[in-house]
Amino acid sequence: MSDSDNAAAVPEPLVNDEALERLDEFLDSDRVDEDALDLISTHGFMVALAVAPCHVPDEQWQAELFQGEPAYADQTERDDITGLLAALRDNAMALLEQGRLPELPFELVLDGLPPEETPVGDWCAGFMEGVFLDESAWFADDDEAAAALLLPFMLLSGLFDDEPDIAELAGDARRLEALTAQLPELVLDVYLHYRVPSEASGGKPKPRPKQAKANKKAKPRR
């Protein structure tokens, strides 16, 4: 393996520890709805927006993430928090565009626990919440390929355990542990599926269209 391959294989943080601590403090405060996503779920949610086939307007993803408008202290705080969230998404896009891997803010192990009882499950549930924002766009071009790419996130999220086919696969602890270890690579696979340049485009990245009118299926929140 070349030095460049080694570099590409090392996951890189999307924002620094100080930014994550700032977001964690705010999301855990009483100024945010109790049903809002926590830090780990938010990280997965913003990564999903980074790989999404369509752009999701800021006001829409913020309303979903926070479950309403937080009680910001002032406009400065609003700009700070939303800026950190946008940086998570944009830095993920920039990293993946170069074929590099995102670092996830937890250990990539289950230690024998069900995924939904770990940060792995929380992160994947947040990722799937990002998919639900415009589910039809994710499955528009090739629903079988999209389903295969998203299956690991669905299995690890714990959101689909009442579906027999998913529940059967989720009972394979070795499979789940292997998928957990591969999460950064799986994110890159999803990104490349939707954004990799094609020969027909002359090497230019696929355009990311604006989101069509919402056509989201209702899903239970965790």
C-alpha atoms as a PDB file:
ATOM      1  CA  MET A   1       0.000   0.000   0.000  1.00  0.00           C
ATOM      2  CA  SER A   2       1.355   3.442  -0.939  1.00  0.00           C
ATOM      3  CA  ASP A   3       1.747   6.382   1.444  1.00  0.00           C
ATOM      4  CA  SER A   4      -1.282   8.029  -0.171  1.00  0.00           C
ATOM      5  CA  ASP A   5      -3.361   4.869   0.375  1.00  0.00           C
ATOM      6  CA  ASN A   6      -2.273   4.798   4.026  1.00  0.00           C
ATOM      7  CA  ALA A   7      -3.278   8.447   4.437  1.00  0.00           C
ATOM      8  CA  ALA A   8      -6.659   7.842   2.836  1.00  0.00           C
ATOM      9  CA  ALA A   9      -7.303   4.899   5.185  1.00  0.00           C
ATOM     10  CA  VAL A  10      -6.844   6.977   8.364  1.00  0.00           C
ATOM     11  CA  PRO A  11     -10.174   8.558   9.403  1.00  0.00           C
ATOM     12  CA  GLU A  12     -10.006  12.307  10.018  1.00  0.00           C
ATOM     13  CA  PRO A  13     -12.141  14.379  12.432  1.00  0.00           C
ATOM     14  CA  LEU A  14     -14.762  16.623  10.857  1.00  0.00           C
ATOM     15  CA  VAL A  15     -14.462  19.315  13.542  1.00  0.00           C
ATOM     16  CA  ASN A  16     -12.142  19.673  16.524  1.00  0.00           C
ATOM     17  CA  ASP A  17     -12.862  18.509  20.075  1.00  0.00           C
ATOM     18  CA  GLU A  18     -13.695  22.034  21.216  1.00  0.00           C
ATOM     19  CA  ALA A  19     -16.432  22.298  18.586  1.00  0.00           C
ATOM     20  CA  LEU A  20     -17.880  18.929  19.590  1.00  0.00           C
ATOM     21  CA  GLU A  21     -17.882  19.951  23.256  1.00  0.00           C
ATOM     22  CA  ARG A  22     -19.638  23.214  22.390  1.00  0.00           C
ATOM     23  CA  LEU A  23     -22.323  21.376  20.434  1.00  0.00           C
ATOM     24  CA  ASP A  24     -22.712  18.742  23.158  1.00  0.00           C
ATOM     25  CA  GLU A  25     -23.190  21.406  25.816  1.00  0.00           C
ATOM     26  CA  PHE A  26     -25.823  23.209  23.778  1.00  0.00           C
ATOM     27  CA  LEU A  27     -27.727  20.096  22.667  1.00  0.00           C
ATOM     28  CA  ASP A  28     -27.819  18.866  26.271  1.00  0.00           C
ATOM     29  CA  SER A  29     -29.125  22.172  27.596  1.00  0.00           C
ATOM     30  CA  ASP A  30     -32.714  22.979  28.528  1.00  0.00           C
ATOM     31  CA  ARG A  31     -32.870  25.515  25.668  1.00  0.00           C
ATOM     32  CA  VAL A  32     -33.285  22.643  23.214  1.00  0.00           C
ATOM     33  CA  ASP A  33     -36.383  20.450  22.944  1.00  0.00           C
ATOM     34  CA  GLU A  34     -36.009  17.206  24.874  1.00  0.00           C
ATOM     35  CA  ASP A  35     -36.752  15.254  21.669  1.00  0.00           C
ATOM     36  CA  ALA A  36     -33.912  16.924  19.753  1.00  0.00           C
ATOM     37  CA  LEU A  37     -31.010  14.801  18.569  1.00  0.00           C
ATOM     38  CA  ASP A  38     -28.054  14.443  20.929  1.00  0.00           C
ATOM     39  CA  LEU A  39     -24.443  15.016  19.883  1.00  0.00           C
ATOM     40  CA  ILE A  40     -23.755  11.512  18.528  1.00  0.00           C
ATOM     41  CA  SER A  41     -27.038  11.360  16.599  1.00  0.00           C
ATOM     42  CA  THR A  42     -26.440  14.877  15.308  1.00  0.00           C
ATOM     43  CA  HIS A  43     -23.033  13.863  13.963  1.00  0.00           C
ATOM     44  CA  GLY A  44     -24.645  10.997  12.031  1.00  0.00           C
ATOM     45  CA  PHE A  45     -27.459  13.268  10.855  1.00  0.00           C
ATOM     46  CA  MET A  46     -25.065  15.869   9.433  1.00  0.00           C
ATOM     47  CA  VAL A  47     -22.939  13.205   7.731  1.00  0.00           C
ATOM     48  CA  ALA A  48     -26.104  11.915   6.058  1.00  0.00           C
ATOM     49  CA  LEU A  49     -26.766  15.424   4.767  1.00  0.00           C
ATOM     50  CA  ALA A  50     -23.203  15.477   3.402  1.00  0.00           C
ATOM     51  CA  VAL A  51     -23.773  12.355   1.295  1.00  0.00           C
ATOM     52  CA  ALA A  52     -27.436  13.006   0.455  1.00  0.00           C
ATOM     53  CA  PRO A  53     -28.359  13.022  -3.237  1.00  0.00           C
ATOM     54  CA  CYS A  54     -30.240  16.325  -2.870  1.00  0.00           C
ATOM     55  CA  HIS A  55     -29.513  19.519  -0.975  1.00  0.00           C
ATOM     56  CA  VAL A  56     -31.750  19.948   2.073  1.00  0.00           C
ATOM     57  CA  PRO A  57     -32.560  23.573   3.003  1.00  0.00           C
ATOM     58  CA  ASP A  58     -31.099  24.782   6.299  1.00  0.00           C
ATOM     59  CA  GLU A  59     -34.469  25.615   7.803  1.00  0.00           C
ATOM     60  CA  GLN A  60     -35.724  22.077   7.161  1.00  0.00           C
ATOM     61  CA  TRP A  61     -32.832  20.115   8.645  1.00  0.00           C
ATOM     62  CA  GLN A  62     -32.555  22.494  11.592  1.00  0.00           C
ATOM     63  CA  ALA A  63     -36.253  22.084  12.407  1.00  0.00           C
ATOM     64  CA  GLU A  64     -35.860  18.298  12.333  1.00  0.00           C
ATOM     65  CA  LEU A  65     -32.616  18.190  14.306  1.00  0.00           C
ATOM     66  CA  PHE A  66     -33.821  20.538  17.052  1.00  0.00           C
ATOM     67  CA  GLN A  67     -37.515  19.568  16.862  1.00  0.00           C
ATOM     68  CA  GLY A  68     -38.367  23.238  16.641  1.00  0.00           C
ATOM     69  CA  GLU A  69     -36.450  26.452  17.257  1.00  0.00           C
ATOM     70  CA  PRO A  70     -34.025  26.403  20.204  1.00  0.00           C
ATOM     71  CA  ALA A  71     -34.122  29.219  22.749  1.00  0.00           C
ATOM     72  CA  TYR A  72     -30.889  30.818  21.573  1.00  0.00           C
ATOM     73  CA  ALA A  73     -29.407  33.428  23.890  1.00  0.00           C
ATOM     74  CA  ASP A  74     -28.951  35.786  20.938  1.00  0.00           C
ATOM     75  CA  GLN A  75     -28.180  35.894  17.227  1.00  0.00           C
ATOM     76  CA  THR A  76     -24.488  35.384  17.920  1.00  0.00           C
ATOM     77  CA  GLU A  77     -25.156  32.069  19.618  1.00  0.00           C
ATOM     78  CA  ARG A  78     -27.511  31.040  16.826  1.00  0.00           C
ATOM     79  CA  ASP A  79     -24.856  31.769  14.217  1.00  0.00           C
ATOM     80  CA  ASP A  80     -22.245  29.916  16.287  1.00  0.00           C
ATOM     81  CA  ILE A  81     -24.271  26.716  16.711  1.00  0.00           C
ATOM     82  CA  THR A  82     -25.668  26.553  13.184  1.00  0.00           C
ATOM     83  CA  GLY A  83     -22.202  27.381  11.839  1.00  0.00           C
ATOM     84  CA  LEU A  84     -20.657  24.457  13.723  1.00  0.00           C
ATOM     85  CA  LEU A  85     -23.350  22.139  12.388  1.00  0.00           C
ATOM     86  CA  ALA A  86     -22.837  23.347   8.831  1.00  0.00           C
ATOM     87  CA  ALA A  87     -19.085  22.858   9.275  1.00  0.00           C
ATOM     88  CA  LEU A  88     -19.709  19.221  10.209  1.00  0.00           C
ATOM     89  CA  ARG A  89     -21.636  18.698   6.980  1.00  0.00           C
ATOM     90  CA  ASP A  90     -19.355  20.729   4.735  1.00  0.00           C
ATOM     91  CA  ASN A  91     -16.134  19.248   6.104  1.00  0.00           C
ATOM     92  CA  ALA A  92     -17.563  15.765   5.585  1.00  0.00           C
ATOM     93  CA  MET A  93     -18.347  16.641   1.968  1.00  0.00           C
ATOM     94  CA  ALA A  94     -14.849  18.019   1.390  1.00  0.00           C
ATOM     95  CA  LEU A  95     -13.195  14.978   2.955  1.00  0.00           C
ATOM     96  CA  LEU A  96     -15.296  12.455   1.062  1.00  0.00           C
ATOM     97  CA  GLU A  97     -14.792  14.362  -2.193  1.00  0.00           C
ATOM     98  CA  GLN A  98     -11.097  13.511  -1.822  1.00  0.00           C
ATOM     99  CA  GLY A  99     -11.848   9.844  -1.117  1.00  0.00           C
ATOM    100  CA  ARG A 100     -10.853  10.201   2.543  1.00  0.00           C
ATOM    101  CA  LEU A 101     -12.606   8.772   5.574  1.00  0.00           C
ATOM    102  CA  PRO A 102     -14.518  10.624   8.318  1.00  0.00           C
ATOM    103  CA  GLU A 103     -13.612   9.958  11.928  1.00  0.00           C
ATOM    104  CA  LEU A 104     -16.633   9.085  14.034  1.00  0.00           C
ATOM    105  CA  PRO A 105     -16.806  10.355  17.652  1.00  0.00           C
ATOM    106  CA  PHE A 106     -16.838   6.944  19.341  1.00  0.00           C
ATOM    107  CA  GLU A 107     -15.034   3.606  19.361  1.00  0.00           C
ATOM    108  CA  LEU A 108     -16.014   1.380  16.432  1.00  0.00           C
ATOM    109  CA  VAL A 109     -16.902  -1.622  18.612  1.00  0.00           C
ATOM    110  CA  LEU A 110     -20.086  -3.045  20.098  1.00  0.00           C
ATOM    111  CA  ASP A 111     -18.462  -5.200  22.808  1.00  0.00           C
ATOM    112  CA  GLY A 112     -21.301  -7.684  22.566  1.00  0.00           C
ATOM    113  CA  LEU A 113     -24.022  -5.103  23.225  1.00  0.00           C
ATOM    114  CA  PRO A 114     -27.042  -4.530  20.950  1.00  0.00           C
ATOM    115  CA  PRO A 115     -26.216  -1.570  18.667  1.00  0.00           C
ATOM    116  CA  GLU A 116     -29.132   0.510  19.963  1.00  0.00           C
ATOM    117  CA  GLU A 117     -27.537   0.455  23.428  1.00  0.00           C
ATOM    118  CA  THR A 118     -24.309   1.996  22.125  1.00  0.00           C
ATOM    119  CA  PRO A 119     -23.154   5.234  20.457  1.00  0.00           C
ATOM    120  CA  VAL A 120     -22.918   3.210  17.232  1.00  0.00           C
ATOM    121  CA  GLY A 121     -26.692   2.761  17.232  1.00  0.00           C
ATOM    122  CA  ASP A 122     -27.292   6.418  18.122  1.00  0.00           C
ATOM    123  CA  TRP A 123     -25.033   7.591  15.282  1.00  0.00           C
ATOM    124  CA  CYS A 124     -26.696   5.311  12.727  1.00  0.00           C
ATOM    125  CA  ALA A 125     -30.160   6.350  13.942  1.00  0.00           C
ATOM    126  CA  GLY A 126     -29.134   9.976  13.381  1.00  0.00           C
ATOM    127  CA  PHE A 127     -27.847   9.069   9.925  1.00  0.00           C
ATOM    128  CA  MET A 128     -31.175   7.442   9.061  1.00  0.00           C
ATOM    129  CA  GLU A 129     -33.050  10.521  10.338  1.00  0.00           C
ATOM    130  CA  GLY A 130     -31.087  12.421   7.686  1.00  0.00           C
ATOM    131  CA  VAL A 131     -32.231   9.913   5.066  1.00  0.00           C
ATOM    132  CA  PHE A 132     -35.873  10.276   6.151  1.00  0.00           C
ATOM    133  CA  LEU A 133     -35.773  14.013   5.353  1.00  0.00           C
ATOM    134  CA  ASP A 134     -36.054  13.173   1.650  1.00  0.00           C
ATOM    135  CA  GLU A 135     -36.330   9.413   1.455  1.00  0.00           C
ATOM    136  CA  SER A 136     -37.667   9.373  -2.100  1.00  0.00           C
ATOM    137  CA  ALA A 137     -34.534  11.105  -3.416  1.00  0.00           C
ATOM    138  CA  TRP A 138     -32.243   8.474  -1.895  1.00  0.00           C
ATOM    139  CA  PHE A 139     -34.116   5.669  -3.693  1.00  0.00           C
ATOM    140  CA  ALA A 140     -35.039   7.505  -6.885  1.00  0.00           C
ATOM    141  CA  ASP A 141     -32.447   6.212  -9.376  1.00  0.00           C
ATOM    142  CA  ASP A 142     -31.639   2.680  -8.198  1.00  0.00           C
ATOM    143  CA  ASP A 143     -33.629   1.571  -5.204  1.00  0.00           C
ATOM    144  CA  GLU A 144     -31.921  -1.835  -4.951  1.00  0.00           C
ATOM    145  CA  ALA A 145     -28.429  -0.323  -4.861  1.00  0.00           C
ATOM    146  CA  ALA A 146     -29.565   2.335  -2.375  1.00  0.00           C
ATOM    147  CA  ALA A 147     -31.159  -0.286  -0.137  1.00  0.00           C
ATOM    148  CA  ALA A 148     -27.972  -2.373  -0.157  1.00  0.00           C
ATOM    149  CA  LEU A 149     -25.808   0.650   0.709  1.00  0.00           C
ATOM    150  CA  LEU A 150     -28.116   1.800   3.494  1.00  0.00           C
ATOM    151  CA  LEU A 151     -28.727  -1.660   4.971  1.00  0.00           C
ATOM    152  CA  PRO A 152     -25.754  -1.509   7.395  1.00  0.00           C
ATOM    153  CA  PHE A 153     -26.975   1.809   8.803  1.00  0.00           C
ATOM    154  CA  MET A 154     -30.494   0.420   9.102  1.00  0.00           C
ATOM    155  CA  LEU A 155     -29.265  -2.710  10.885  1.00  0.00           C
ATOM    156  CA  LEU A 156     -27.130  -0.778  13.347  1.00  0.00           C
ATOM    157  CA  SER A 157     -29.698   1.957  14.020  1.00  0.00           C
ATOM    158  CA  GLY A 158     -32.192  -0.254  15.816  1.00  0.00           C
ATOM    159  CA  LEU A 159     -35.026   1.650  14.123  1.00  0.00           C
ATOM    160  CA  PHE A 160     -36.158  -1.288  12.005  1.00  0.00           C
ATOM    161  CA  ASP A 161     -36.070  -4.162  14.492  1.00  0.00           C
ATOM    162  CA  ASP A 162     -39.819  -4.704  14.110  1.00  0.00           C
ATOM    163  CA  GLU A 163     -39.329  -5.653  10.440  1.00  0.00           C
ATOM    164  CA  PRO A 164     -38.788  -9.443  10.223  1.00  0.00           C
ATOM    165  CA  ASP A 165     -36.077  -9.382   7.541  1.00  0.00           C
ATOM    166  CA  ILE A 166     -34.092  -6.724   9.382  1.00  0.00           C
ATOM    167  CA  ALA A 167     -34.580  -8.404  12.753  1.00  0.00           C
ATOM    168  CA  GLU A 168     -33.175 -11.677  11.396  1.00  0.00           C
ATOM    169  CA  LEU A 169     -30.045  -9.979  10.063  1.00  0.00           C
ATOM    170  CA  ALA A 170     -29.687  -7.930  13.237  1.00  0.00           C
ATOM    171  CA  GLY A 171     -29.447 -11.162  15.216  1.00  0.00           C
ATOM    172  CA  ASP A 172     -26.038 -11.911  13.692  1.00  0.00           C
ATOM    173  CA  ALA A 173     -23.646 -10.394  16.244  1.00  0.00           C
ATOM    174  CA  ARG A 174     -20.545 -11.067  14.146  1.00  0.00           C
ATOM    175  CA  ARG A 175     -22.077  -9.299  11.150  1.00  0.00           C
ATOM    176  CA  LEU A 176     -22.971  -6.275  13.270  1.00  0.00           C
ATOM    177  CA  GLU A 177     -19.480  -6.069  14.769  1.00  0.00           C
ATOM    178  CA  ALA A 178     -17.921  -6.233  11.294  1.00  0.00           C
ATOM    179  CA  LEU A 179     -20.226  -3.517   9.953  1.00  0.00           C
ATOM    180  CA  THR A 180     -19.424  -1.317  12.933  1.00  0.00           C
ATOM    181  CA  ALA A 181     -15.700  -1.541  12.213  1.00  0.00           C
ATOM    182  CA  GLN A 182     -16.357  -0.581   8.582  1.00  0.00           C
ATOM    183  CA  LEU A 183     -18.621   2.436   9.201  1.00  0.00           C
ATOM    184  CA  PRO A 184     -16.232   5.131   7.846  1.00  0.00           C
ATOM    185  CA  GLU A 185     -15.677   3.094   4.662  1.00  0.00           C
ATOM    186  CA  LEU A 186     -19.420   2.491   4.335  1.00  0.00           C
ATOM    187  CA  VAL A 187     -20.043   6.250   4.509  1.00  0.00           C
ATOM    188  CA  LEU A 188     -17.546   6.768   1.680  1.00  0.00           C
ATOM    189  CA  ASP A 189     -19.268   4.044  -0.365  1.00  0.00           C
ATOM    190  CA  VAL A 190     -22.596   5.853  -0.028  1.00  0.00           C
ATOM    191  CA  TYR A 191     -21.026   9.179  -0.989  1.00  0.00           C
ATOM    192  CA  LEU A 192     -19.359   7.708  -4.065  1.00  0.00           C
ATOM    193  CA  HIS A 193     -22.622   6.080  -5.162  1.00  0.00           C
ATOM    194  CA  TYR A 194     -24.373   9.422  -5.315  1.00  0.00           C
ATOM    195  CA  ARG A 195     -21.499  11.744  -6.181  1.00  0.00           C
ATOM    196  CA  VAL A 196     -18.753   9.858  -8.036  1.00  0.00           C
ATOM    197  CA  PRO A 197     -17.928  11.409 -11.425  1.00  0.00           C
ATOM    198  CA  SER A 198     -19.153   9.399 -14.371  1.00  0.00           C
ATOM    199  CA  GLU A 199     -17.553   9.041 -17.795  1.00  0.00           C
ATOM    200  CA  ALA A 200     -20.631  10.609 -19.336  1.00  0.00           C
ATOM    201  CA  SER A 201     -20.134  13.755 -17.255  1.00  0.00           C
ATOM    202  CA  GLY A 202     -16.557  14.157 -18.398  1.00  0.00           C
ATOM    203  CA  GLY A 203     -15.231  13.592 -14.870  1.00  0.00           C
ATOM    204  CA  LYS A 204     -17.363  16.290 -13.289  1.00  0.00           C
ATOM    205  CA  PRO A 205     -19.110  15.417 -10.013  1.00  0.00           C
ATOM    206  CA  LYS A 206     -22.786  14.641 -10.288  1.00  0.00           C
ATOM    207  CA  PRO A 207     -24.823  17.780  -9.616  1.00  0.00           C
ATOM    208  CA  ARG A 208     -26.647  17.884  -6.321  1.00  0.00           C
ATOM    209  CA  PRO A 209     -30.172  19.068  -7.132  1.00  0.00           C
ATOM    210  CA  LYS A 210     -32.253  21.057  -4.738  1.00  0.00           C
ATOM    211  CA  GLN A 211     -34.700  19.012  -2.763  1.00  0.00           C
ATOM    212  CA  ALA A 212     -38.081  18.426  -4.320  1.00  0.00           C
ATOM    213  CA  LYS A 213     -41.228  18.913  -2.306  1.00  0.00           C
ATOM    214  CA  ALA A 214     -41.046  16.828   0.829  1.00  0.00           C
ATOM    215  CA  ASN A 215     -42.163  13.256   0.397  1.00  0.00           C
ATOM    216  CA  LYS A 216     -40.976  11.816   3.671  1.00  0.00           C
ATOM    217  CA  LYS A 217     -42.445   8.744   5.271  1.00  0.00           C
ATOM    218  CA  ALA A 218     -43.272   9.084   8.923  1.00  0.00           C
ATOM    219  CA  LYS A 219     -40.810   7.188  11.099  1.00  0.00           C
ATOM    220  CA  PRO A 220     -40.861   6.791  14.868  1.00  0.00           C
ATOM    221  CA  ARG A 221     -38.233   8.819  16.676  1.00  0.00           C
ATOM    222  CA  ARG A 222     -36.011   7.023  19.124  1.00  0.00           C
END
